[in-house]
Amino acid sequence: MAVIADPDTALGFRLAGLEAFGVASPEEAKARLEALVQQGGYALVAVDQGLVPEPERAVERLLRGKDLPVLLPIAGIREAFQSPDVEGYMRELVRRTIGFDIKL
């Protein structure tokens, strides 16, 4: 698995043990995504949707005929904390990602 996000978020993913690439702009994010798709070796690439809103569409041509990687748009930290109801935002994000709500 690889993650493409802003440098601060990427650091957090690295601390969690994932391979993460910190990028400073949407152009850099798209270039990194293209490189990862072309090089192969990843089953899942999570992409900060604030940088690349529709990752599948951004590399559509490169994905033709390939089953992997699966591209997963994720909310960046900025989007998560712009909502006044952070807990509600995270609950909805989990629900959309796995298909049901989890209450701890």
N, C-alpha and C. Protein backbone atom coordinates (compact mmCIF):
# COMPACT_ATOMS: atom_id res chain seq x y z
N MET A 1 0.84 -1.18 0.00
CA MET A 1 0.00 0.00 0.00
C MET A 1 0.88 1.23 0.00
N ALA A 2 0.41 2.24 -0.71
CA ALA A 2 1.09 3.54 -0.72
C ALA A 2 0.06 4.63 -0.48
N VAL A 3 0.53 5.74 0.06
CA VAL A 3 -0.34 6.88 0.34
C VAL A 3 0.30 8.12 -0.29
N ILE A 4 -0.53 8.92 -0.95
CA ILE A 4 -0.10 10.21 -1.49
C ILE A 4 -0.90 11.28 -0.77
N ALA A 5 -0.20 12.16 -0.06
CA ALA A 5 -0.89 13.18 0.73
C ALA A 5 0.04 14.37 0.94
N ASP A 6 -0.47 15.40 1.62
CA ASP A 6 0.39 16.53 1.95
C ASP A 6 1.49 16.03 2.89
N PRO A 7 2.60 16.76 2.99
CA PRO A 7 3.74 16.27 3.77
C PRO A 7 3.43 15.92 5.23
N ASP A 8 2.60 16.70 5.90
CA ASP A 8 2.28 16.42 7.30
C ASP A 8 1.48 15.13 7.45
N THR A 9 0.48 14.96 6.59
CA THR A 9 -0.33 13.74 6.63
C THR A 9 0.50 12.53 6.25
N ALA A 10 1.35 12.68 5.24
CA ALA A 10 2.22 11.58 4.81
C ALA A 10 3.12 11.12 5.96
N LEU A 11 3.61 12.07 6.73
CA LEU A 11 4.45 11.72 7.89
C LEU A 11 3.68 10.83 8.86
N GLY A 12 2.44 11.18 9.12
CA GLY A 12 1.62 10.36 10.02
C GLY A 12 1.45 8.94 9.50
N PHE A 13 1.23 8.79 8.20
CA PHE A 13 1.11 7.45 7.63
C PHE A 13 2.44 6.70 7.71
N ARG A 14 3.55 7.40 7.50
CA ARG A 14 4.86 6.76 7.64
C ARG A 14 5.08 6.27 9.07
N LEU A 15 4.68 7.08 10.03
CA LEU A 15 4.82 6.69 11.44
C LEU A 15 3.98 5.46 11.75
N ALA A 16 2.90 5.26 11.00
CA ALA A 16 2.06 4.08 11.18
C ALA A 16 2.60 2.87 10.41
N GLY A 17 3.72 3.05 9.70
CA GLY A 17 4.36 1.93 9.03
C GLY A 17 4.03 1.79 7.55
N LEU A 18 3.34 2.75 6.97
CA LEU A 18 2.99 2.67 5.55
C LEU A 18 3.98 3.46 4.71
N GLU A 19 4.06 3.11 3.45
CA GLU A 19 4.88 3.89 2.53
C GLU A 19 4.03 5.08 2.09
N ALA A 20 4.49 6.28 2.37
CA ALA A 20 3.72 7.48 2.08
C ALA A 20 4.60 8.52 1.40
N PHE A 21 4.00 9.22 0.46
CA PHE A 21 4.70 10.23 -0.31
C PHE A 21 4.08 11.59 -0.02
N GLY A 22 4.86 12.50 0.52
CA GLY A 22 4.38 13.85 0.79
C GLY A 22 4.57 14.71 -0.44
N VAL A 23 3.51 15.36 -0.88
CA VAL A 23 3.56 16.22 -2.06
C VAL A 23 3.01 17.59 -1.70
N ALA A 24 3.46 18.60 -2.42
CA ALA A 24 3.10 19.98 -2.09
C ALA A 24 2.02 20.56 -2.98
N SER A 25 1.68 19.89 -4.09
CA SER A 25 0.72 20.48 -5.01
C SER A 25 -0.07 19.38 -5.73
N PRO A 26 -1.22 19.75 -6.29
CA PRO A 26 -1.99 18.78 -7.08
C PRO A 26 -1.18 18.23 -8.27
N GLU A 27 -0.37 19.06 -8.89
CA GLU A 27 0.43 18.62 -10.03
C GLU A 27 1.45 17.56 -9.59
N GLU A 28 2.08 17.80 -8.46
CA GLU A 28 3.05 16.84 -7.93
C GLU A 28 2.35 15.54 -7.52
N ALA A 29 1.15 15.66 -6.95
CA ALA A 29 0.39 14.47 -6.55
C ALA A 29 0.03 13.63 -7.78
N LYS A 30 -0.43 14.29 -8.84
CA LYS A 30 -0.80 13.56 -10.06
C LYS A 30 0.43 12.89 -10.67
N ALA A 31 1.56 13.58 -10.70
CA ALA A 31 2.79 13.00 -11.24
C ALA A 31 3.22 11.78 -10.42
N ARG A 32 3.13 11.88 -9.10
CA ARG A 32 3.49 10.75 -8.23
C ARG A 32 2.54 9.58 -8.45
N LEU A 33 1.24 9.87 -8.58
CA LEU A 33 0.25 8.82 -8.82
C LEU A 33 0.55 8.11 -10.15
N GLU A 34 0.83 8.87 -11.18
CA GLU A 34 1.17 8.28 -12.48
C GLU A 34 2.39 7.38 -12.36
N ALA A 35 3.41 7.84 -11.64
CA ALA A 35 4.63 7.05 -11.47
C ALA A 35 4.35 5.74 -10.73
N LEU A 36 3.54 5.80 -9.68
CA LEU A 36 3.24 4.59 -8.91
C LEU A 36 2.44 3.59 -9.74
N VAL A 37 1.49 4.08 -10.54
CA VAL A 37 0.70 3.19 -11.39
C VAL A 37 1.60 2.54 -12.44
N GLN A 38 2.49 3.32 -13.03
CA GLN A 38 3.38 2.78 -14.07
C GLN A 38 4.38 1.79 -13.52
N GLN A 39 4.93 2.06 -12.35
CA GLN A 39 5.95 1.16 -11.81
C GLN A 39 5.35 -0.13 -11.29
N GLY A 40 4.07 -0.12 -10.89
CA GLY A 40 3.45 -1.33 -10.36
C GLY A 40 3.97 -1.62 -8.96
N GLY A 41 3.57 -2.75 -8.44
CA GLY A 41 4.04 -3.17 -7.12
C GLY A 41 3.13 -2.77 -5.96
N TYR A 42 2.06 -2.04 -6.23
CA TYR A 42 1.14 -1.65 -5.16
C TYR A 42 -0.25 -2.20 -5.47
N ALA A 43 -0.88 -2.78 -4.47
CA ALA A 43 -2.25 -3.26 -4.62
C ALA A 43 -3.24 -2.14 -4.33
N LEU A 44 -2.86 -1.21 -3.47
CA LEU A 44 -3.74 -0.13 -3.05
C LEU A 44 -2.94 1.17 -2.96
N VAL A 45 -3.48 2.22 -3.55
CA VAL A 45 -2.87 3.54 -3.43
C VAL A 45 -3.95 4.49 -2.92
N ALA A 46 -3.76 5.01 -1.72
CA ALA A 46 -4.69 5.98 -1.15
C ALA A 46 -4.20 7.38 -1.53
N VAL A 47 -5.14 8.21 -2.00
CA VAL A 47 -4.78 9.53 -2.51
C VAL A 47 -5.63 10.59 -1.82
N ASP A 48 -4.98 11.61 -1.28
CA ASP A 48 -5.68 12.73 -0.66
C ASP A 48 -6.56 13.39 -1.71
N GLN A 49 -7.88 13.35 -1.49
CA GLN A 49 -8.80 13.89 -2.49
C GLN A 49 -8.76 15.41 -2.59
N GLY A 50 -8.11 16.06 -1.65
CA GLY A 50 -7.89 17.50 -1.76
C GLY A 50 -6.82 17.81 -2.82
N LEU A 51 -5.96 16.84 -3.08
CA LEU A 51 -4.91 17.01 -4.09
C LEU A 51 -5.32 16.46 -5.45
N VAL A 52 -5.95 15.29 -5.44
CA VAL A 52 -6.43 14.66 -6.68
C VAL A 52 -7.86 14.20 -6.39
N PRO A 53 -8.86 15.03 -6.72
CA PRO A 53 -10.25 14.72 -6.37
C PRO A 53 -10.77 13.41 -6.94
N GLU A 54 -10.37 13.05 -8.16
CA GLU A 54 -10.82 11.82 -8.79
C GLU A 54 -9.61 11.05 -9.31
N PRO A 55 -8.94 10.29 -8.44
CA PRO A 55 -7.69 9.64 -8.86
C PRO A 55 -7.86 8.67 -10.03
N GLU A 56 -8.99 7.95 -10.08
CA GLU A 56 -9.19 7.01 -11.19
C GLU A 56 -9.22 7.75 -12.53
N ARG A 57 -9.91 8.87 -12.54
CA ARG A 57 -10.00 9.65 -13.78
C ARG A 57 -8.65 10.26 -14.16
N ALA A 58 -7.86 10.63 -13.16
CA ALA A 58 -6.56 11.26 -13.42
C ALA A 58 -5.58 10.32 -14.12
N VAL A 59 -5.71 9.01 -13.87
CA VAL A 59 -4.78 8.05 -14.48
C VAL A 59 -5.54 6.97 -15.26
N GLU A 60 -6.69 7.32 -15.73
CA GLU A 60 -7.56 6.39 -16.45
C GLU A 60 -6.82 5.67 -17.58
N ARG A 61 -6.09 6.41 -18.37
CA ARG A 61 -5.36 5.83 -19.50
C ARG A 61 -4.33 4.79 -19.02
N LEU A 62 -3.64 5.08 -17.92
CA LEU A 62 -2.61 4.17 -17.42
C LEU A 62 -3.19 2.91 -16.79
N LEU A 63 -4.44 2.98 -16.34
CA LEU A 63 -5.06 1.83 -15.66
C LEU A 63 -5.72 0.85 -16.63
N ARG A 64 -5.87 1.22 -17.88
CA ARG A 64 -6.54 0.33 -18.85
C ARG A 64 -5.85 -1.03 -18.89
N GLY A 65 -6.66 -2.07 -18.72
CA GLY A 65 -6.14 -3.43 -18.78
C GLY A 65 -5.48 -3.90 -17.50
N LYS A 66 -5.48 -3.08 -16.45
CA LYS A 66 -4.85 -3.46 -15.18
C LYS A 66 -5.92 -3.61 -14.10
N ASP A 67 -5.73 -4.60 -13.26
CA ASP A 67 -6.62 -4.76 -12.11
C ASP A 67 -6.13 -3.99 -10.90
N LEU A 68 -4.83 -3.78 -10.83
CA LEU A 68 -4.23 -3.11 -9.68
C LEU A 68 -3.36 -1.95 -10.17
N PRO A 69 -3.22 -0.96 -9.38
CA PRO A 69 -3.67 -0.80 -8.00
C PRO A 69 -5.11 -0.31 -7.94
N VAL A 70 -5.72 -0.61 -6.81
CA VAL A 70 -7.01 -0.01 -6.48
C VAL A 70 -6.70 1.38 -5.95
N LEU A 71 -7.42 2.38 -6.43
CA LEU A 71 -7.18 3.75 -5.98
C LEU A 71 -8.27 4.15 -5.00
N LEU A 72 -7.86 4.64 -3.85
CA LEU A 72 -8.77 5.00 -2.78
C LEU A 72 -8.63 6.48 -2.45
N PRO A 73 -9.64 7.30 -2.81
CA PRO A 73 -9.57 8.70 -2.40
C PRO A 73 -9.84 8.81 -0.90
N ILE A 74 -8.99 9.54 -0.21
CA ILE A 74 -9.17 9.74 1.23
C ILE A 74 -9.22 11.23 1.52
N ALA A 75 -9.89 11.59 2.58
CA ALA A 75 -9.95 12.99 2.99
C ALA A 75 -8.63 13.37 3.65
N GLY A 76 -8.12 14.50 3.27
CA GLY A 76 -6.93 15.01 3.92
C GLY A 76 -7.29 15.63 5.25
N ILE A 77 -6.29 15.88 6.04
CA ILE A 77 -6.50 16.43 7.37
C ILE A 77 -7.20 17.79 7.32
N ARG A 78 -6.90 18.58 6.31
CA ARG A 78 -7.54 19.89 6.20
C ARG A 78 -9.05 19.76 6.01
N GLU A 79 -9.46 18.84 5.13
CA GLU A 79 -10.89 18.65 4.89
C GLU A 79 -11.59 18.11 6.14
N ALA A 80 -10.91 17.22 6.84
CA ALA A 80 -11.52 16.60 8.02
C ALA A 80 -11.83 17.62 9.11
N PHE A 81 -10.93 18.59 9.28
CA PHE A 81 -11.13 19.52 10.38
C PHE A 81 -11.79 20.83 9.98
N GLN A 82 -12.21 20.95 8.72
CA GLN A 82 -12.99 22.11 8.30
C GLN A 82 -14.44 21.98 8.76
N SER A 83 -14.87 20.76 8.97
CA SER A 83 -16.24 20.51 9.41
C SER A 83 -16.36 20.84 10.89
N PRO A 84 -17.41 21.55 11.30
CA PRO A 84 -17.57 21.84 12.72
C PRO A 84 -17.86 20.58 13.54
N ASP A 85 -18.40 19.54 12.90
CA ASP A 85 -18.69 18.28 13.58
C ASP A 85 -17.68 17.23 13.12
N VAL A 86 -16.48 17.26 13.70
CA VAL A 86 -15.40 16.38 13.28
C VAL A 86 -15.80 14.92 13.52
N GLU A 87 -16.42 14.63 14.65
CA GLU A 87 -16.82 13.25 14.93
C GLU A 87 -17.82 12.76 13.88
N GLY A 88 -18.77 13.59 13.53
CA GLY A 88 -19.75 13.23 12.51
C GLY A 88 -19.09 13.03 11.16
N TYR A 89 -18.13 13.89 10.85
CA TYR A 89 -17.40 13.77 9.58
C TYR A 89 -16.68 12.42 9.53
N MET A 90 -15.96 12.07 10.60
CA MET A 90 -15.22 10.82 10.62
C MET A 90 -16.16 9.61 10.57
N ARG A 91 -17.28 9.69 11.26
CA ARG A 91 -18.27 8.61 11.24
C ARG A 91 -18.78 8.39 9.81
N GLU A 92 -19.10 9.48 9.12
CA GLU A 92 -19.58 9.39 7.74
C GLU A 92 -18.50 8.86 6.82
N LEU A 93 -17.26 9.26 7.03
CA LEU A 93 -16.15 8.77 6.22
C LEU A 93 -15.99 7.26 6.38
N VAL A 94 -16.05 6.77 7.61
CA VAL A 94 -15.96 5.33 7.87
C VAL A 94 -17.15 4.62 7.23
N ARG A 95 -18.35 5.18 7.38
CA ARG A 95 -19.54 4.55 6.81
C ARG A 95 -19.44 4.43 5.29
N ARG A 96 -18.98 5.49 4.63
CA ARG A 96 -18.83 5.45 3.17
C ARG A 96 -17.76 4.47 2.75
N THR A 97 -16.70 4.35 3.54
CA THR A 97 -15.57 3.49 3.17
C THR A 97 -15.88 2.01 3.35
N ILE A 98 -16.47 1.64 4.50
CA ILE A 98 -16.70 0.22 4.76
C ILE A 98 -18.15 -0.21 4.64
N GLY A 99 -19.04 0.74 4.46
CA GLY A 99 -20.43 0.39 4.18
C GLY A 99 -21.37 0.38 5.38
N PHE A 100 -20.85 0.59 6.59
CA PHE A 100 -21.74 0.69 7.75
C PHE A 100 -21.07 1.51 8.83
N ASP A 101 -21.87 1.90 9.81
CA ASP A 101 -21.42 2.77 10.88
C ASP A 101 -20.84 1.93 12.02
N ILE A 102 -19.78 2.40 12.63
CA ILE A 102 -19.18 1.75 13.79
C ILE A 102 -19.22 2.73 14.95
N LYS A 103 -19.72 2.28 16.07
CA LYS A 103 -19.75 3.14 17.26
C LYS A 103 -18.89 2.48 18.33
N LEU A 104 -17.94 3.25 18.85
CA LEU A 104 -17.05 2.74 19.90
C LEU A 104 -17.44 3.30 21.23
